[in-house]
Amino acid sequence: MAGTANVPPPPPRSTGNAQTDAAALAQWANDFYTAAVRGGYFLNVQEQSQGGSFDPGSLPDPASTTLAQAQTTANEAYAKAVAAGDDANRIDNWYSGTATVTGAATTAAVTFPADKQQPDTTYKVFLSVVSFTGTPGIGAFVPVSTTLLATTGFTLTVQAAPGLGNSVTFNVLIMRTI
């Protein structure tokens, strides 16, 4: 289901058949991405700000704003943030990796690679279970704290050890306030 040129298509209607609906949804997601991102619907270079000054008093009224006005405002805010030189909070300082708690341990040390070490310890840690081996108890899937925050890493603590021969692996995402 393709939309007109550079206009994202509407989502598909549900048929009640899970297999058909899943295929239609996947096709729609691809068509939407193609039109919206690759087709330039949202990322139209001619409508993006090239810098300049920003006055919060000149913000547009949300009830009557256009996508181009919103993009211009966002671009101006980004330009101001870059001009401020706040390198500590740049997205490229974020880190994504994994941490595995194994056996009788209730902790796992997370060490950032040299190029992802943080400028300070004000980062946020987000965790989600990605895999496990064996039959760990439910407490092994529950992170209770992140301690020993350092610029080089931190320690993840779970509620209970996975047990001998078991492990739980977490996805780790480190984000900074922008």
Protein backbone atom coordinates (compact mmCIF):
# COMPACT_ATOMS: atom_id res chain seq x y z
CA MET A 1 0.00 0.00 0.00
CA ALA A 2 1.92 3.01 -1.21
CA GLY A 3 0.89 6.61 -0.64
CA THR A 4 1.18 9.41 -3.14
CA ALA A 5 4.63 10.87 -3.73
CA ASN A 6 6.35 11.76 -0.45
CA VAL A 7 3.14 11.46 1.58
CA PRO A 8 3.15 8.65 4.14
CA PRO A 9 0.40 6.07 3.56
CA PRO A 10 -2.38 5.48 6.09
CA PRO A 11 -2.05 2.39 8.30
CA PRO A 12 -3.69 -0.81 7.06
CA ARG A 13 -7.08 -1.96 8.28
CA SER A 14 -7.21 -5.06 10.43
CA THR A 15 -8.75 -8.13 8.79
CA GLY A 16 -8.80 -10.33 11.87
CA ASN A 17 -6.29 -12.75 10.34
CA ALA A 18 -3.05 -12.38 12.34
CA GLN A 19 -0.78 -13.58 9.54
CA THR A 20 -2.33 -11.30 6.93
CA ASP A 21 -2.43 -8.34 9.33
CA ALA A 22 1.22 -8.81 10.33
CA ALA A 23 2.33 -8.84 6.69
CA ALA A 24 0.22 -5.77 5.91
CA LEU A 25 1.60 -3.94 8.94
CA ALA A 26 5.19 -4.77 7.97
CA GLN A 27 4.56 -3.55 4.42
CA TRP A 28 2.94 -0.37 5.75
CA ALA A 29 5.91 0.30 8.07
CA ASN A 30 8.26 -0.02 5.10
CA ASP A 31 6.09 2.21 2.89
CA PHE A 32 5.74 4.78 5.69
CA TYR A 33 9.51 4.86 6.25
CA THR A 34 10.17 5.16 2.53
CA ALA A 35 7.76 8.06 2.09
CA ALA A 36 8.42 9.85 5.36
CA VAL A 37 12.16 9.55 5.75
CA ARG A 38 13.69 8.57 2.45
CA GLY A 39 11.09 10.45 0.43
CA GLY A 40 11.74 13.66 2.30
CA TYR A 41 8.26 14.20 3.73
CA PHE A 42 9.63 15.01 7.17
CA LEU A 43 13.22 15.78 6.28
CA ASN A 44 12.78 18.36 3.55
CA VAL A 45 16.08 20.24 3.34
CA GLN A 46 14.44 23.37 1.96
CA GLU A 47 12.27 23.62 5.08
CA GLN A 48 15.06 23.09 7.60
CA SER A 49 16.62 25.99 9.42
CA GLN A 50 20.16 26.89 8.58
CA GLY A 51 20.83 28.51 11.94
CA GLY A 52 20.15 32.05 12.99
CA SER A 53 18.76 33.51 16.17
CA PHE A 54 16.02 32.03 18.32
CA ASP A 55 13.54 33.96 20.43
CA PRO A 56 11.27 31.82 22.66
CA GLY A 57 8.67 34.58 22.44
CA SER A 58 8.32 33.89 18.73
CA LEU A 59 7.27 30.28 19.16
CA PRO A 60 4.30 29.42 16.93
CA ASP A 61 0.85 28.70 18.30
CA PRO A 62 0.50 24.87 18.41
CA ALA A 63 -3.09 25.14 17.19
CA SER A 64 -2.08 26.79 13.93
CA THR A 65 1.49 25.65 13.34
CA THR A 66 2.65 23.72 10.28
CA LEU A 67 5.14 20.90 10.01
CA ALA A 68 7.62 23.31 8.41
CA GLN A 69 7.30 25.74 11.34
CA ALA A 70 7.81 22.92 13.83
CA GLN A 71 10.88 21.72 11.93
CA THR A 72 12.31 25.24 11.84
CA THR A 73 11.81 25.64 15.59
CA ALA A 74 13.45 22.27 16.27
CA ASN A 75 16.38 23.10 13.99
CA GLU A 76 16.91 26.43 15.72
CA ALA A 77 16.87 24.74 19.13
CA TYR A 78 19.39 22.18 17.91
CA ALA A 79 21.63 24.92 16.51
CA LYS A 80 21.54 26.72 19.87
CA ALA A 81 22.43 23.52 21.72
CA VAL A 82 25.36 22.87 19.40
CA ALA A 83 26.51 26.47 19.71
CA ALA A 84 26.45 26.12 23.49
CA GLY A 85 29.11 23.43 23.13
CA ASP A 86 27.55 21.03 25.62
CA ASP A 87 29.55 18.01 24.44
CA ALA A 88 28.75 16.01 27.60
CA ASN A 89 25.15 15.50 26.52
CA ARG A 90 25.65 14.73 22.86
CA ILE A 91 23.93 11.64 21.54
CA ASP A 92 27.25 10.21 20.39
CA ASN A 93 28.23 9.97 24.08
CA TRP A 94 25.41 7.50 24.67
CA TYR A 95 26.30 3.82 25.06
CA SER A 96 24.51 0.61 24.16
CA GLY A 97 25.73 -2.83 25.22
CA THR A 98 24.92 -5.85 27.35
CA ALA A 99 25.48 -7.07 30.90
CA THR A 100 25.20 -10.69 32.05
CA VAL A 101 24.52 -11.88 35.60
CA THR A 102 25.69 -15.49 36.01
CA GLY A 103 25.52 -18.31 38.54
CA ALA A 104 25.56 -17.32 42.22
CA ALA A 105 26.33 -13.66 41.47
CA THR A 106 23.75 -10.93 41.92
CA THR A 107 25.85 -8.28 40.19
CA ALA A 108 27.43 -7.62 36.82
CA ALA A 109 30.05 -5.00 36.06
CA VAL A 110 29.38 -2.87 32.98
CA THR A 111 32.48 -1.25 31.50
CA PHE A 112 32.21 1.38 28.78
CA PRO A 113 34.61 1.18 25.84
CA ALA A 114 37.23 3.95 25.78
CA ASP A 115 35.33 5.94 23.13
CA LYS A 116 32.06 5.82 25.16
CA GLN A 117 33.39 6.77 28.58
CA GLN A 118 31.19 9.44 30.10
CA PRO A 119 32.30 12.95 31.09
CA ASP A 120 30.54 12.60 34.47
CA THR A 121 28.11 10.32 36.33
CA THR A 122 24.83 12.10 35.58
CA TYR A 123 23.80 9.57 32.91
CA LYS A 124 20.62 7.48 33.01
CA VAL A 125 20.72 3.67 32.79
CA PHE A 126 17.97 1.77 30.96
CA LEU A 127 17.83 -2.04 31.15
CA SER A 128 15.79 -4.77 29.52
CA VAL A 129 16.23 -8.54 29.51
CA VAL A 130 17.43 -9.78 26.15
CA SER A 131 18.14 -13.47 26.85
CA PHE A 132 18.73 -16.09 29.51
CA THR A 133 20.20 -19.58 29.82
CA GLY A 134 18.88 -22.40 31.96
CA THR A 135 16.03 -21.74 34.38
CA PRO A 136 16.90 -18.69 36.45
CA GLY A 137 14.49 -17.70 39.21
CA ILE A 138 12.20 -14.73 38.65
CA GLY A 139 14.34 -12.46 40.86
CA ALA A 140 17.24 -12.79 38.42
CA PHE A 141 15.18 -10.88 35.85
CA VAL A 142 14.54 -7.94 38.22
CA PRO A 143 17.20 -5.21 38.31
CA VAL A 144 17.13 -3.50 41.71
CA SER A 145 19.93 -0.98 41.41
CA THR A 146 22.77 0.45 39.40
CA THR A 147 25.58 1.40 41.74
CA LEU A 148 29.20 2.50 41.64
CA LEU A 149 28.41 4.88 38.81
CA ALA A 150 31.66 6.01 37.24
CA THR A 151 32.72 7.62 34.01
CA THR A 152 34.04 4.20 32.96
CA GLY A 153 30.99 2.08 33.89
CA PHE A 154 28.73 0.91 36.71
CA THR A 155 27.53 -2.18 38.57
CA LEU A 156 24.13 -3.75 37.90
CA THR A 157 22.47 -5.57 40.82
CA VAL A 158 19.52 -7.97 40.41
CA GLN A 159 17.05 -9.11 43.07
CA ALA A 160 18.31 -12.72 43.17
CA ALA A 161 21.14 -14.74 41.64
CA PRO A 162 20.24 -16.79 38.55
CA GLY A 163 21.66 -19.96 40.13
CA LEU A 164 24.33 -22.46 39.16
CA GLY A 165 24.46 -22.99 35.38
CA ASN A 166 22.00 -20.14 34.72
CA SER A 167 22.43 -16.58 33.48
CA VAL A 168 20.39 -13.53 32.50
CA THR A 169 21.61 -11.01 29.91
CA PHE A 170 20.34 -7.43 29.90
CA ASN A 171 20.44 -4.85 27.13
CA VAL A 172 22.02 -1.70 28.55
CA LEU A 173 21.37 1.79 27.22
CA ILE A 174 23.11 4.81 28.70
CA MET A 175 21.47 8.12 27.87
CA ARG A 176 22.21 11.68 28.84
CA THR A 177 19.79 14.57 29.12
CA ILE A 178 19.99 16.67 25.99
